[in-house]
Amino acid sequence: MCRNIKTLFNFEPPATDEEIKASAMQFVRKISGTTKPSKANQQAFDEAVAAISAVSQQLLASLVTTAVPKNREVEAARARARNARRFSLPPR
């Protein structure tokens, strides 16, 4: 899985449309092998991003859990700490 695609489910506040679109964009970039499509492929690229965004929004709206929603700031701090350990950098 692409490392830049983040978990979007069960966060408070919920994922925004922009976050869902950014994840869809990363997915399409990964499977297409390009970060910027040619003009000939731009429409197909954009349609794929829109379709994946729509399906992702539908999925997120359909999922249920009894777990307490995660806090974005706490999860970001944990990720920074993991990266600091992984790359031997001092935590910020």
C-alpha atoms as a PDB file:
ATOM      1  CA  MET A   1       0.000   0.000   0.000  1.00  0.00           C
ATOM      2  CA  CYS A   2       1.166   3.522  -0.706  1.00  0.00           C
ATOM      3  CA  ARG A   3       2.653   5.035   2.427  1.00  0.00           C
ATOM      4  CA  ASN A   4       1.047   8.410   1.711  1.00  0.00           C
ATOM      5  CA  ILE A   5      -2.494   7.066   1.832  1.00  0.00           C
ATOM      6  CA  LYS A   6      -3.709   7.561   5.398  1.00  0.00           C
ATOM      7  CA  THR A   7      -6.476   5.819   7.296  1.00  0.00           C
ATOM      8  CA  LEU A   8      -9.569   8.008   7.125  1.00  0.00           C
ATOM      9  CA  PHE A   9     -12.102   6.000   9.127  1.00  0.00           C
ATOM     10  CA  ASN A  10     -13.072   6.585  12.763  1.00  0.00           C
ATOM     11  CA  PHE A  11     -11.495   9.979  13.336  1.00  0.00           C
ATOM     12  CA  GLU A  12     -12.970  12.954  15.101  1.00  0.00           C
ATOM     13  CA  PRO A  13     -13.645  15.160  13.227  1.00  0.00           C
ATOM     14  CA  PRO A  14     -14.477  12.874  10.274  1.00  0.00           C
ATOM     15  CA  ALA A  15     -12.396  12.908   7.096  1.00  0.00           C
ATOM     16  CA  THR A  16     -13.072  15.866   4.837  1.00  0.00           C
ATOM     17  CA  ASP A  17     -13.870  15.677   1.132  1.00  0.00           C
ATOM     18  CA  GLU A  18     -10.403  17.119   0.468  1.00  0.00           C
ATOM     19  CA  GLU A  19      -8.702  14.347   2.484  1.00  0.00           C
ATOM     20  CA  ILE A  20     -10.680  11.684   0.653  1.00  0.00           C
ATOM     21  CA  LYS A  21      -9.833  13.219  -2.723  1.00  0.00           C
ATOM     22  CA  ALA A  22      -6.138  13.461  -1.774  1.00  0.00           C
ATOM     23  CA  SER A  23      -6.102   9.764  -0.873  1.00  0.00           C
ATOM     24  CA  ALA A  24      -7.858   8.893  -4.128  1.00  0.00           C
ATOM     25  CA  MET A  25      -5.297  10.986  -6.015  1.00  0.00           C
ATOM     26  CA  GLN A  26      -2.416   9.126  -4.318  1.00  0.00           C
ATOM     27  CA  PHE A  27      -4.021   5.792  -5.196  1.00  0.00           C
ATOM     28  CA  VAL A  28      -4.479   6.735  -8.860  1.00  0.00           C
ATOM     29  CA  ARG A  29      -0.925   8.077  -9.018  1.00  0.00           C
ATOM     30  CA  LYS A  30       0.379   4.826  -7.554  1.00  0.00           C
ATOM     31  CA  ILE A  31      -1.461   2.483  -9.882  1.00  0.00           C
ATOM     32  CA  SER A  32      -0.906   4.641 -12.980  1.00  0.00           C
ATOM     33  CA  GLY A  33       2.779   5.140 -12.230  1.00  0.00           C
ATOM     34  CA  THR A  34       2.635   8.875 -12.836  1.00  0.00           C
ATOM     35  CA  THR A  35       2.245  11.948 -10.670  1.00  0.00           C
ATOM     36  CA  LYS A  36       1.151  14.164 -13.551  1.00  0.00           C
ATOM     37  CA  PRO A  37      -0.660  12.560 -16.466  1.00  0.00           C
ATOM     38  CA  SER A  38      -0.155  13.690 -20.053  1.00  0.00           C
ATOM     39  CA  LYS A  39      -2.835  15.847 -21.641  1.00  0.00           C
ATOM     40  CA  ALA A  40      -4.053  12.758 -23.502  1.00  0.00           C
ATOM     41  CA  ASN A  41      -4.581  10.928 -20.196  1.00  0.00           C
ATOM     42  CA  GLN A  42      -5.773  13.813 -18.012  1.00  0.00           C
ATOM     43  CA  GLN A  43      -9.488  13.093 -18.446  1.00  0.00           C
ATOM     44  CA  ALA A  44      -9.091   9.394 -17.599  1.00  0.00           C
ATOM     45  CA  PHE A  45      -6.940  10.320 -14.577  1.00  0.00           C
ATOM     46  CA  ASP A  46      -9.494  12.860 -13.317  1.00  0.00           C
ATOM     47  CA  GLU A  47     -12.399  10.450 -13.846  1.00  0.00           C
ATOM     48  CA  ALA A  48     -10.568   7.746 -11.889  1.00  0.00           C
ATOM     49  CA  VAL A  49      -9.904  10.144  -8.997  1.00  0.00           C
ATOM     50  CA  ALA A  50     -13.572  11.197  -8.950  1.00  0.00           C
ATOM     51  CA  ALA A  51     -14.813   7.590  -9.066  1.00  0.00           C
ATOM     52  CA  ILE A  52     -12.478   6.429  -6.297  1.00  0.00           C
ATOM     53  CA  SER A  53     -13.376   9.461  -4.174  1.00  0.00           C
ATOM     54  CA  ALA A  54     -17.088   8.689  -4.530  1.00  0.00           C
ATOM     55  CA  VAL A  55     -16.656   5.018  -3.653  1.00  0.00           C
ATOM     56  CA  SER A  56     -14.419   5.933  -0.710  1.00  0.00           C
ATOM     57  CA  GLN A  57     -17.007   8.378   0.648  1.00  0.00           C
ATOM     58  CA  GLN A  58     -19.685   5.701   0.302  1.00  0.00           C
ATOM     59  CA  LEU A  59     -17.476   3.183   2.116  1.00  0.00           C
ATOM     60  CA  LEU A  60     -16.665   5.571   4.969  1.00  0.00           C
ATOM     61  CA  ALA A  61     -20.355   6.423   5.380  1.00  0.00           C
ATOM     62  CA  SER A  62     -21.271   2.720   5.498  1.00  0.00           C
ATOM     63  CA  LEU A  63     -18.686   1.525   8.010  1.00  0.00           C
ATOM     64  CA  VAL A  64     -19.683   1.083  11.648  1.00  0.00           C
ATOM     65  CA  THR A  65     -17.586   0.626  14.763  1.00  0.00           C
ATOM     66  CA  THR A  66     -17.948   0.568  18.504  1.00  0.00           C
ATOM     67  CA  ALA A  67     -14.410   1.907  18.966  1.00  0.00           C
ATOM     68  CA  VAL A  68     -13.879   5.404  20.284  1.00  0.00           C
ATOM     69  CA  PRO A  69     -12.963   7.823  17.470  1.00  0.00           C
ATOM     70  CA  LYS A  70      -9.247   8.564  17.183  1.00  0.00           C
ATOM     71  CA  ASN A  71      -7.869  12.036  17.792  1.00  0.00           C
ATOM     72  CA  ARG A  72      -5.985  13.457  14.796  1.00  0.00           C
ATOM     73  CA  GLU A  73      -3.415  15.343  16.867  1.00  0.00           C
ATOM     74  CA  VAL A  74      -2.610  12.326  19.037  1.00  0.00           C
ATOM     75  CA  GLU A  75      -2.250  10.069  15.988  1.00  0.00           C
ATOM     76  CA  ALA A  76      -0.016  12.637  14.253  1.00  0.00           C
ATOM     77  CA  ALA A  77       2.219  12.842  17.331  1.00  0.00           C
ATOM     78  CA  ARG A  78       2.474   9.039  17.423  1.00  0.00           C
ATOM     79  CA  ALA A  79       3.416   8.979  13.728  1.00  0.00           C
ATOM     80  CA  ARG A  80       6.118  11.614  14.288  1.00  0.00           C
ATOM     81  CA  ALA A  81       7.514   9.575  17.189  1.00  0.00           C
ATOM     82  CA  ARG A  82       7.538   6.394  15.074  1.00  0.00           C
ATOM     83  CA  ASN A  83       9.321   8.222  12.264  1.00  0.00           C
ATOM     84  CA  ALA A  84      11.849   9.670  14.689  1.00  0.00           C
ATOM     85  CA  ARG A  85      12.656   6.171  15.979  1.00  0.00           C
ATOM     86  CA  ARG A  86      12.697   4.754  12.467  1.00  0.00           C
ATOM     87  CA  PHE A  87      14.990   7.402  11.043  1.00  0.00           C
ATOM     88  CA  SER A  88      16.907   8.131  14.291  1.00  0.00           C
ATOM     89  CA  LEU A  89      15.805  11.748  14.369  1.00  0.00           C
ATOM     90  CA  PRO A  90      15.079  13.680  17.554  1.00  0.00           C
ATOM     91  CA  PRO A  91      11.298  14.095  18.107  1.00  0.00           C
ATOM     92  CA  ARG A  92       9.788  17.533  17.466  1.00  0.00           C
END
